[in-house]
Amino acid sequence: MMLLAILLPFLSFMFRGKILTGIICLILQITVIGWLPAAIWAVLSLNNARADRRNDKLIRAMKENQR
């Protein structure tokens, strides 16, 4: 998924269900200068989504442990 975010940033958003964000990213990616910011945006977004899933898992584990 990380390689996809670097090579085709808009597809990274599309596969994760963020259609509108993917379209905006595609418009940015169409320009040669905009491809690099689009790739960086997709990679950062992917890392943030992974961190959110990790945090949610930790919070659920902590709540279960308190019971």
PDB file of N, CA and C in Angstrom:
ATOM      1  N   MET A   1       0.829  -1.187   0.000  1.00  0.00           N
ATOM      2  CA  MET A   1       0.000   0.000   0.000  1.00  0.00           C
ATOM      3  C   MET A   1       0.877   1.255   0.000  1.00  0.00           C
ATOM      4  N   MET A   2       2.023   1.175   0.664  1.00  0.00           N
ATOM      5  CA  MET A   2       2.922   2.329   0.713  1.00  0.00           C
ATOM      6  C   MET A   2       3.479   2.633  -0.678  1.00  0.00           C
ATOM      7  N   LEU A   3       3.830   1.594  -1.420  1.00  0.00           N
ATOM      8  CA  LEU A   3       4.348   1.784  -2.777  1.00  0.00           C
ATOM      9  C   LEU A   3       3.276   2.416  -3.665  1.00  0.00           C
ATOM     10  N   LEU A   4       2.054   1.993  -3.496  1.00  0.00           N
ATOM     11  CA  LEU A   4       0.948   2.571  -4.255  1.00  0.00           C
ATOM     12  C   LEU A   4       0.771   4.044  -3.900  1.00  0.00           C
ATOM     13  N   ALA A   5       0.928   4.379  -2.632  1.00  0.00           N
ATOM     14  CA  ALA A   5       0.792   5.776  -2.193  1.00  0.00           C
ATOM     15  C   ALA A   5       1.879   6.652  -2.808  1.00  0.00           C
ATOM     16  N   ILE A   6       3.037   6.080  -3.065  1.00  0.00           N
ATOM     17  CA  ILE A   6       4.130   6.859  -3.652  1.00  0.00           C
ATOM     18  C   ILE A   6       3.973   6.971  -5.165  1.00  0.00           C
ATOM     19  N   LEU A   7       3.654   5.849  -5.824  1.00  0.00           N
ATOM     20  CA  LEU A   7       3.596   5.847  -7.285  1.00  0.00           C
ATOM     21  C   LEU A   7       2.290   6.421  -7.841  1.00  0.00           C
ATOM     22  N   LEU A   8       1.172   6.043  -7.262  1.00  0.00           N
ATOM     23  CA  LEU A   8      -0.148   6.513  -7.706  1.00  0.00           C
ATOM     24  C   LEU A   8      -0.947   6.966  -6.482  1.00  0.00           C
ATOM     25  N   PRO A   9      -0.643   8.154  -5.984  1.00  0.00           N
ATOM     26  CA  PRO A   9      -1.258   8.608  -4.736  1.00  0.00           C
ATOM     27  C   PRO A   9      -2.783   8.599  -4.740  1.00  0.00           C
ATOM     28  N   PHE A  10      -3.402   8.959  -5.848  1.00  0.00           N
ATOM     29  CA  PHE A  10      -4.865   9.026  -5.868  1.00  0.00           C
ATOM     30  C   PHE A  10      -5.491   7.648  -5.666  1.00  0.00           C
ATOM     31  N   LEU A  11      -4.843   6.583  -6.161  1.00  0.00           N
ATOM     32  CA  LEU A  11      -5.381   5.237  -5.970  1.00  0.00           C
ATOM     33  C   LEU A  11      -5.317   4.802  -4.511  1.00  0.00           C
ATOM     34  N   SER A  12      -4.321   5.294  -3.800  1.00  0.00           N
ATOM     35  CA  SER A  12      -4.208   4.986  -2.381  1.00  0.00           C
ATOM     36  C   SER A  12      -5.444   5.483  -1.630  1.00  0.00           C
ATOM     37  N   PHE A  13      -5.878   6.693  -1.967  1.00  0.00           N
ATOM     38  CA  PHE A  13      -7.086   7.239  -1.327  1.00  0.00           C
ATOM     39  C   PHE A  13      -8.328   6.474  -1.773  1.00  0.00           C
ATOM     40  N   MET A  14      -8.403   6.168  -3.066  1.00  0.00           N
ATOM     41  CA  MET A  14      -9.580   5.470  -3.599  1.00  0.00           C
ATOM     42  C   MET A  14      -9.760   4.098  -2.946  1.00  0.00           C
ATOM     43  N   PHE A  15      -8.668   3.348  -2.785  1.00  0.00           N
ATOM     44  CA  PHE A  15      -8.752   2.018  -2.187  1.00  0.00           C
ATOM     45  C   PHE A  15      -9.173   2.066  -0.726  1.00  0.00           C
ATOM     46  N   ARG A  16      -8.906   3.187  -0.059  1.00  0.00           N
ATOM     47  CA  ARG A  16      -9.294   3.317   1.339  1.00  0.00           C
ATOM     48  C   ARG A  16     -10.674   3.939   1.495  1.00  0.00           C
ATOM     49  N   GLY A  17     -11.381   4.147   0.379  1.00  0.00           N
ATOM     50  CA  GLY A  17     -12.754   4.622   0.441  1.00  0.00           C
ATOM     51  C   GLY A  17     -12.908   6.128   0.495  1.00  0.00           C
ATOM     52  N   LYS A  18     -11.857   6.867   0.262  1.00  0.00           N
ATOM     53  CA  LYS A  18     -11.922   8.329   0.280  1.00  0.00           C
ATOM     54  C   LYS A  18     -11.966   8.825  -1.163  1.00  0.00           C
ATOM     55  N   ILE A  19     -13.135   8.726  -1.764  1.00  0.00           N
ATOM     56  CA  ILE A  19     -13.295   9.005  -3.191  1.00  0.00           C
ATOM     57  C   ILE A  19     -13.040  10.478  -3.519  1.00  0.00           C
ATOM     58  N   LEU A  20     -13.660  11.385  -2.780  1.00  0.00           N
ATOM     59  CA  LEU A  20     -13.491  12.813  -3.056  1.00  0.00           C
ATOM     60  C   LEU A  20     -12.035  13.241  -2.859  1.00  0.00           C
ATOM     61  N   THR A  21     -11.411  12.761  -1.802  1.00  0.00           N
ATOM     62  CA  THR A  21     -10.008  13.079  -1.562  1.00  0.00           C
ATOM     63  C   THR A  21      -9.145  12.515  -2.694  1.00  0.00           C
ATOM     64  N   GLY A  22      -9.491  11.328  -3.188  1.00  0.00           N
ATOM     65  CA  GLY A  22      -8.751  10.733  -4.301  1.00  0.00           C
ATOM     66  C   GLY A  22      -8.863  11.561  -5.568  1.00  0.00           C
ATOM     67  N   ILE A  23     -10.051  12.118  -5.826  1.00  0.00           N
ATOM     68  CA  ILE A  23     -10.235  12.957  -7.011  1.00  0.00           C
ATOM     69  C   ILE A  23      -9.421  14.241  -6.893  1.00  0.00           C
ATOM     70  N   ILE A  24      -9.444  14.848  -5.705  1.00  0.00           N
ATOM     71  CA  ILE A  24      -8.648  16.069  -5.485  1.00  0.00           C
ATOM     72  C   ILE A  24      -7.162  15.752  -5.643  1.00  0.00           C
ATOM     73  N   CYS A  25      -6.742  14.615  -5.124  1.00  0.00           N
ATOM     74  CA  CYS A  25      -5.348  14.207  -5.245  1.00  0.00           C
ATOM     75  C   CYS A  25      -4.979  13.954  -6.705  1.00  0.00           C
ATOM     76  N   LEU A  26      -5.889  13.366  -7.477  1.00  0.00           N
ATOM     77  CA  LEU A  26      -5.644  13.120  -8.895  1.00  0.00           C
ATOM     78  C   LEU A  26      -5.462  14.426  -9.646  1.00  0.00           C
ATOM     79  N   ILE A  27      -6.292  15.412  -9.334  1.00  0.00           N
ATOM     80  CA  ILE A  27      -6.157  16.729  -9.978  1.00  0.00           C
ATOM     81  C   ILE A  27      -4.802  17.330  -9.642  1.00  0.00           C
ATOM     82  N   LEU A  28      -4.373  17.198  -8.393  1.00  0.00           N
ATOM     83  CA  LEU A  28      -3.055  17.698  -7.995  1.00  0.00           C
ATOM     84  C   LEU A  28      -1.950  16.900  -8.668  1.00  0.00           C
ATOM     85  N   GLN A  29      -2.145  15.606  -8.798  1.00  0.00           N
ATOM     86  CA  GLN A  29      -1.117  14.728  -9.360  1.00  0.00           C
ATOM     87  C   GLN A  29      -0.948  14.924 -10.865  1.00  0.00           C
ATOM     88  N   ILE A  30      -1.959  15.399 -11.552  1.00  0.00           N
ATOM     89  CA  ILE A  30      -1.884  15.570 -13.004  1.00  0.00           C
ATOM     90  C   ILE A  30      -0.746  16.505 -13.396  1.00  0.00           C
ATOM     91  N   THR A  31      -0.497  17.511 -12.596  1.00  0.00           N
ATOM     92  CA  THR A  31       0.618  18.398 -12.899  1.00  0.00           C
ATOM     93  C   THR A  31       1.908  17.729 -12.446  1.00  0.00           C
ATOM     94  N   VAL A  32       2.975  17.954 -13.183  1.00  0.00           N
ATOM     95  CA  VAL A  32       4.262  17.332 -12.857  1.00  0.00           C
ATOM     96  C   VAL A  32       4.761  17.829 -11.508  1.00  0.00           C
ATOM     97  N   ILE A  33       4.602  19.109 -11.249  1.00  0.00           N
ATOM     98  CA  ILE A  33       5.068  19.680  -9.986  1.00  0.00           C
ATOM     99  C   ILE A  33       4.198  19.192  -8.828  1.00  0.00           C
ATOM    100  N   GLY A  34       2.913  18.940  -9.093  1.00  0.00           N
ATOM    101  CA  GLY A  34       1.995  18.538  -8.046  1.00  0.00           C
ATOM    102  C   GLY A  34       2.090  17.078  -7.651  1.00  0.00           C
ATOM    103  N   TRP A  35       2.788  16.270  -8.449  1.00  0.00           N
ATOM    104  CA  TRP A  35       2.871  14.841  -8.145  1.00  0.00           C
ATOM    105  C   TRP A  35       3.600  14.592  -6.824  1.00  0.00           C
ATOM    106  N   LEU A  36       4.686  15.291  -6.576  1.00  0.00           N
ATOM    107  CA  LEU A  36       5.442  15.099  -5.337  1.00  0.00           C
ATOM    108  C   LEU A  36       4.619  15.469  -4.098  1.00  0.00           C
ATOM    109  N   PRO A  37       3.960  16.630  -4.065  1.00  0.00           N
ATOM    110  CA  PRO A  37       3.101  16.909  -2.907  1.00  0.00           C
ATOM    111  C   PRO A  37       1.963  15.901  -2.754  1.00  0.00           C
ATOM    112  N   ALA A  38       1.417  15.421  -3.875  1.00  0.00           N
ATOM    113  CA  ALA A  38       0.336  14.425  -3.809  1.00  0.00           C
ATOM    114  C   ALA A  38       0.855  13.132  -3.196  1.00  0.00           C
ATOM    115  N   ALA A  39       2.061  12.719  -3.575  1.00  0.00           N
ATOM    116  CA  ALA A  39       2.644  11.492  -3.031  1.00  0.00           C
ATOM    117  C   ALA A  39       2.927  11.649  -1.536  1.00  0.00           C
ATOM    118  N   ILE A  40       3.447  12.776  -1.145  1.00  0.00           N
ATOM    119  CA  ILE A  40       3.721  13.027   0.276  1.00  0.00           C
ATOM    120  C   ILE A  40       2.422  13.032   1.066  1.00  0.00           C
ATOM    121  N   TRP A  41       1.390  13.667   0.528  1.00  0.00           N
ATOM    122  CA  TRP A  41       0.079  13.720   1.171  1.00  0.00           C
ATOM    123  C   TRP A  41      -0.486  12.318   1.353  1.00  0.00           C
ATOM    124  N   ALA A  42      -0.379  11.474   0.330  1.00  0.00           N
ATOM    125  CA  ALA A  42      -0.910  10.113   0.412  1.00  0.00           C
ATOM    126  C   ALA A  42      -0.153   9.279   1.443  1.00  0.00           C
ATOM    127  N   VAL A  43       1.167   9.413   1.490  1.00  0.00           N
ATOM    128  CA  VAL A  43       1.967   8.650   2.458  1.00  0.00           C
ATOM    129  C   VAL A  43       1.644   9.096   3.881  1.00  0.00           C
ATOM    130  N   LEU A  44       1.560  10.399   4.103  1.00  0.00           N
ATOM    131  CA  LEU A  44       1.224  10.898   5.445  1.00  0.00           C
ATOM    132  C   LEU A  44      -0.172  10.466   5.870  1.00  0.00           C
ATOM    133  N   SER A  45      -1.106  10.490   4.940  1.00  0.00           N
ATOM    134  CA  SER A  45      -2.462  10.059   5.241  1.00  0.00           C
ATOM    135  C   SER A  45      -2.504   8.575   5.597  1.00  0.00           C
ATOM    136  N   LEU A  46      -1.755   7.775   4.871  1.00  0.00           N
ATOM    137  CA  LEU A  46      -1.691   6.342   5.153  1.00  0.00           C
ATOM    138  C   LEU A  46      -1.092   6.092   6.534  1.00  0.00           C
ATOM    139  N   ASN A  47      -0.024   6.798   6.861  1.00  0.00           N
ATOM    140  CA  ASN A  47       0.593   6.635   8.186  1.00  0.00           C
ATOM    141  C   ASN A  47      -0.349   7.073   9.301  1.00  0.00           C
ATOM    142  N   ASN A  48      -1.098   8.149   9.078  1.00  0.00           N
ATOM    143  CA  ASN A  48      -2.059   8.612  10.082  1.00  0.00           C
ATOM    144  C   ASN A  48      -3.175   7.601  10.288  1.00  0.00           C
ATOM    145  N   ALA A  49      -3.635   6.998   9.213  1.00  0.00           N
ATOM    146  CA  ALA A  49      -4.703   5.994   9.328  1.00  0.00           C
ATOM    147  C   ALA A  49      -4.208   4.780  10.112  1.00  0.00           C
ATOM    148  N   ARG A  50      -2.977   4.375   9.857  1.00  0.00           N
ATOM    149  CA  ARG A  50      -2.405   3.241  10.597  1.00  0.00           C
ATOM    150  C   ARG A  50      -2.259   3.577  12.077  1.00  0.00           C
ATOM    151  N   ALA A  51      -1.821   4.798  12.372  1.00  0.00           N
ATOM    152  CA  ALA A  51      -1.673   5.219  13.771  1.00  0.00           C
ATOM    153  C   ALA A  51      -3.030   5.270  14.467  1.00  0.00           C
ATOM    154  N   ASP A  52      -4.048   5.737  13.775  1.00  0.00           N
ATOM    155  CA  ASP A  52      -5.397   5.778  14.357  1.00  0.00           C
ATOM    156  C   ASP A  52      -5.893   4.376  14.699  1.00  0.00           C
ATOM    157  N   ARG A  53      -5.665   3.422  13.808  1.00  0.00           N
ATOM    158  CA  ARG A  53      -6.082   2.038  14.083  1.00  0.00           C
ATOM    159  C   ARG A  53      -5.334   1.473  15.285  1.00  0.00           C
ATOM    160  N   ARG A  54      -4.023   1.754  15.372  1.00  0.00           N
ATOM    161  CA  ARG A  54      -3.237   1.290  16.529  1.00  0.00           C
ATOM    162  C   ARG A  54      -3.765   1.890  17.815  1.00  0.00           C
ATOM    163  N   ASN A  55      -4.050   3.193  17.808  1.00  0.00           N
ATOM    164  CA  ASN A  55      -4.542   3.862  19.006  1.00  0.00           C
ATOM    165  C   ASN A  55      -5.901   3.320  19.429  1.00  0.00           C
ATOM    166  N   ASP A  56      -6.783   3.087  18.459  1.00  0.00           N
ATOM    167  CA  ASP A  56      -8.098   2.527  18.786  1.00  0.00           C
ATOM    168  C   ASP A  56      -7.956   1.146  19.422  1.00  0.00           C
ATOM    169  N   LYS A  57      -7.050   0.351  18.905  1.00  0.00           N
ATOM    170  CA  LYS A  57      -6.817  -0.986  19.454  1.00  0.00           C
ATOM    171  C   LYS A  57      -6.298  -0.905  20.889  1.00  0.00           C
ATOM    172  N   LEU A  58      -5.373   0.032  21.138  1.00  0.00           N
ATOM    173  CA  LEU A  58      -4.837   0.200  22.491  1.00  0.00           C
ATOM    174  C   LEU A  58      -5.919   0.695  23.462  1.00  0.00           C
ATOM    175  N   ILE A  59      -6.752   1.611  23.010  1.00  0.00           N
ATOM    176  CA  ILE A  59      -7.811   2.132  23.872  1.00  0.00           C
ATOM    177  C   ILE A  59      -8.799   1.033  24.229  1.00  0.00           C
ATOM    178  N   ARG A  60      -9.181   0.207  23.237  1.00  0.00           N
ATOM    179  CA  ARG A  60     -10.087  -0.916  23.522  1.00  0.00           C
ATOM    180  C   ARG A  60      -9.466  -1.888  24.514  1.00  0.00           C
ATOM    181  N   ALA A  61      -8.172  -2.162  24.354  1.00  0.00           N
ATOM    182  CA  ALA A  61      -7.491  -3.091  25.264  1.00  0.00           C
ATOM    183  C   ALA A  61      -7.450  -2.520  26.681  1.00  0.00           C
ATOM    184  N   MET A  62      -7.220  -1.216  26.798  1.00  0.00           N
ATOM    185  CA  MET A  62      -7.169  -0.589  28.122  1.00  0.00           C
ATOM    186  C   MET A  62      -8.545  -0.614  28.794  1.00  0.00           C
ATOM    187  N   LYS A  63      -9.596  -0.375  28.008  1.00  0.00           N
ATOM    188  CA  LYS A  63     -10.948  -0.395  28.575  1.00  0.00           C
ATOM    189  C   LYS A  63     -11.319  -1.795  29.032  1.00  0.00           C
ATOM    190  N   GLU A  64     -10.951  -2.808  28.267  1.00  0.00           N
ATOM    191  CA  GLU A  64     -11.234  -4.189  28.655  1.00  0.00           C
ATOM    192  C   GLU A  64     -10.444  -4.592  29.897  1.00  0.00           C
ATOM    193  N   ASN A  65      -9.238  -4.051  30.024  1.00  0.00           N
ATOM    194  CA  ASN A  65      -8.374  -4.381  31.153  1.00  0.00           C
ATOM    195  C   ASN A  65      -8.870  -3.741  32.442  1.00  0.00           C
ATOM    196  N   GLN A  66      -9.581  -2.621  32.355  1.00  0.00           N
ATOM    197  CA  GLN A  66     -10.076  -1.935  33.542  1.00  0.00           C
ATOM    198  C   GLN A  66     -11.277  -2.642  34.151  1.00  0.00           C
ATOM    199  N   ARG A  67     -11.966  -3.449  33.393  1.00  0.00           N
ATOM    200  CA  ARG A  67     -13.165  -4.127  33.895  1.00  0.00           C
ATOM    201  C   ARG A  67     -12.827  -5.224  34.778  1.00  0.00           C
TER     202      ARG A  67
END
